[in-house]
Amino acid sequence: MREAAGEIEAVALVPAAPEDVYAFLSDLANHWRLMDREVDVLELDGTPPDQAIVRLRGPVGVRRTVRTRMTATKNPRLIIGSAELGDGTRARVSWTLAGRLGDTRVRLAAEVEHASAFDRLLLALGGRAWLRRRFAFALERLAERFATPPTTPPQSPQQA
């Protein structure tokens, strides 16, 4: 069953070449460096990691444990994975990278392939918006990771 509302997505411009962004994202362990306190990594599997178990902490005390897995990659443009919950809810997750004048446009998207009745309710009651905010936060952290630290202008001898 496909969700009628379509994909959950966020897009951002990252100040780095697609090859550099892809190199970072192709290691699943790095994905969790982009998350906040609402996502806990419980387990990473593989060398380098290509599977994980994570716990999501949503609004009003909702907790969901998700098994993620990288399923396909195309260097340096695409990373595809899956996210599955124990109740049968499944989503396809993708990172799409496109060069833009020395930067990279990154699109992070999830398409729900099947959702349990409980997860359909959660998505309808704000879960989509919550996930969209988590995606936007992750892309903001990704951009910060590649941002050049500001340089301070040299001081003149009179200022020193």
Protein backbone atom coordinates (compact mmCIF):
# COMPACT_ATOMS: atom_id res chain seq x y z
CA MET A 1 0.00 0.00 0.00
CA ARG A 2 1.39 3.39 -0.98
CA GLU A 3 0.54 6.41 1.12
CA ALA A 4 -1.59 8.83 -0.88
CA ALA A 5 0.11 11.91 0.55
CA GLY A 6 3.42 11.05 -1.17
CA GLU A 7 6.93 11.48 0.04
CA ILE A 8 8.19 13.16 3.14
CA GLU A 9 11.16 15.28 2.10
CA ALA A 10 13.56 18.08 2.86
CA VAL A 11 16.08 19.78 0.57
CA ALA A 12 19.18 21.84 1.36
CA LEU A 13 22.30 23.20 -0.28
CA VAL A 14 25.53 21.81 1.21
CA PRO A 15 28.78 23.75 0.68
CA ALA A 16 30.81 20.82 -0.69
CA ALA A 17 31.26 18.79 -3.86
CA PRO A 18 28.88 15.84 -4.38
CA GLU A 19 31.82 13.41 -4.09
CA ASP A 20 32.64 14.71 -0.59
CA VAL A 21 29.02 14.65 0.59
CA TYR A 22 28.57 11.15 -0.85
CA ALA A 23 31.74 9.91 0.88
CA PHE A 24 30.39 11.14 4.22
CA LEU A 25 26.87 9.76 3.72
CA SER A 26 27.98 6.39 2.31
CA ASP A 27 29.12 5.44 5.84
CA LEU A 28 25.88 4.79 7.72
CA ALA A 29 27.62 5.59 11.02
CA ASN A 30 27.85 9.21 9.88
CA HIS A 31 24.10 9.54 9.45
CA TRP A 32 23.62 9.50 13.18
CA ARG A 33 26.00 12.43 13.58
CA LEU A 34 23.32 14.44 11.81
CA MET A 35 20.56 13.67 14.31
CA ASP A 36 19.46 15.31 17.51
CA ARG A 37 18.39 13.95 20.89
CA GLU A 38 15.16 12.60 19.41
CA VAL A 39 17.06 9.79 17.66
CA ASP A 40 19.17 7.19 19.49
CA VAL A 41 21.37 4.67 17.70
CA LEU A 42 20.98 1.32 19.45
CA GLU A 43 23.08 -0.81 17.10
CA LEU A 44 25.22 -0.54 13.95
CA ASP A 45 26.04 -3.61 11.84
CA GLY A 46 28.46 -4.18 8.98
CA THR A 47 31.94 -2.99 8.04
CA PRO A 48 31.48 -0.21 7.19
CA PRO A 49 28.04 -0.11 8.80
CA ASP A 50 25.16 -0.59 6.36
CA GLN A 51 22.46 -1.53 8.88
CA ALA A 52 21.28 0.06 12.11
CA ILE A 53 18.62 -0.11 14.77
CA VAL A 54 17.50 3.29 16.00
CA ARG A 55 14.90 4.57 18.44
CA LEU A 56 12.84 7.60 17.51
CA ARG A 57 11.37 9.73 20.32
CA GLY A 58 8.45 11.71 19.01
CA PRO A 59 5.96 14.12 20.53
CA VAL A 60 3.74 13.10 23.46
CA GLY A 61 6.00 10.22 24.44
CA VAL A 62 5.71 8.22 21.21
CA ARG A 63 8.64 5.82 20.83
CA ARG A 64 9.34 3.78 17.68
CA THR A 65 12.22 1.37 17.06
CA VAL A 66 13.32 1.26 13.43
CA ARG A 67 15.65 -1.13 11.58
CA THR A 68 17.42 0.69 8.75
CA ARG A 69 19.47 -0.75 5.92
CA MET A 70 21.33 0.69 2.95
CA THR A 71 20.11 -1.17 -0.13
CA ALA A 72 21.68 0.59 -3.15
CA THR A 73 24.17 3.32 -3.96
CA LYS A 74 25.32 5.15 -7.05
CA ASN A 75 28.50 7.12 -6.40
CA PRO A 76 28.32 10.15 -6.09
CA ARG A 77 24.62 10.75 -6.71
CA LEU A 78 22.32 8.43 -4.80
CA ILE A 79 21.96 6.40 -1.62
CA ILE A 80 18.84 4.30 -1.12
CA GLY A 81 17.82 2.48 2.02
CA SER A 82 14.92 0.98 3.86
CA ALA A 83 13.38 1.64 7.25
CA GLU A 84 11.23 -1.04 8.87
CA LEU A 85 9.28 -1.24 12.10
CA GLY A 86 8.36 -4.52 13.74
CA ASP A 87 4.67 -4.01 13.02
CA GLY A 88 5.16 -4.17 9.24
CA THR A 89 5.54 -0.46 8.55
CA ARG A 90 8.12 0.06 5.77
CA ALA A 91 9.56 3.08 4.01
CA ARG A 92 12.08 3.65 1.25
CA VAL A 93 14.59 6.35 2.19
CA SER A 94 16.79 8.14 -0.34
CA TRP A 95 19.53 10.74 -0.41
CA THR A 96 19.80 12.37 -3.83
CA LEU A 97 22.86 14.56 -4.53
CA ALA A 98 23.25 17.03 -7.39
CA GLY A 99 26.14 19.43 -8.04
CA ARG A 100 25.27 23.15 -8.01
CA LEU A 101 28.15 25.56 -8.75
CA GLY A 102 30.60 23.95 -6.33
CA ASP A 103 27.90 23.05 -3.78
CA THR A 104 25.60 20.04 -3.55
CA ARG A 105 21.83 20.09 -3.54
CA VAL A 106 20.80 17.30 -1.17
CA ARG A 107 17.31 15.87 -1.10
CA LEU A 108 16.45 13.52 1.77
CA ALA A 109 13.14 11.73 1.21
CA ALA A 110 11.11 8.86 2.59
CA GLU A 111 8.24 7.16 0.84
CA VAL A 112 6.01 5.03 3.02
CA GLU A 113 5.49 1.74 1.23
CA HIS A 114 3.28 0.16 3.90
CA ALA A 115 2.04 1.50 7.23
CA SER A 116 0.29 -0.23 10.09
CA ALA A 117 -2.98 1.31 11.26
CA PHE A 118 -1.16 2.85 14.23
CA ASP A 119 1.54 4.40 12.03
CA ARG A 120 -1.05 5.72 9.55
CA LEU A 121 -2.71 7.45 12.50
CA LEU A 122 0.61 8.85 13.74
CA LEU A 123 1.46 10.17 10.26
CA ALA A 124 -1.96 11.78 9.93
CA LEU A 125 -1.76 13.40 13.39
CA GLY A 126 1.51 15.22 12.76
CA GLY A 127 4.05 12.46 12.19
CA ARG A 128 4.72 13.63 8.63
CA ALA A 129 5.48 17.16 9.80
CA TRP A 130 7.64 15.81 12.64
CA LEU A 131 9.64 13.64 10.22
CA ARG A 132 9.99 16.55 7.77
CA ARG A 133 11.46 18.66 10.62
CA ARG A 134 13.87 15.84 11.55
CA PHE A 135 14.98 15.62 7.89
CA ALA A 136 15.46 19.40 7.68
CA PHE A 137 17.48 19.33 10.90
CA ALA A 138 19.70 16.53 9.54
CA LEU A 139 20.36 18.49 6.34
CA GLU A 140 21.17 21.61 8.35
CA ARG A 141 23.71 19.60 10.36
CA LEU A 142 25.13 18.15 7.13
CA ALA A 143 25.62 21.66 5.71
CA GLU A 144 27.25 22.79 8.98
CA ARG A 145 29.62 19.82 8.83
CA PHE A 146 30.98 21.05 5.50
CA ALA A 147 30.78 24.79 6.20
CA THR A 148 34.11 26.60 6.27
CA PRO A 149 34.68 28.22 9.65
CA PRO A 150 34.58 32.01 9.42
CA THR A 151 37.98 33.60 9.15
CA THR A 152 38.87 36.60 11.21
CA PRO A 153 40.35 39.49 9.26
CA PRO A 154 44.02 40.17 9.96
CA GLN A 155 44.60 42.89 12.49
CA SER A 156 46.60 45.95 11.63
CA PRO A 157 49.63 46.73 13.83
CA GLN A 158 47.67 49.51 15.56
CA GLN A 159 44.92 47.04 16.58
CA ALA A 160 47.29 44.43 17.96
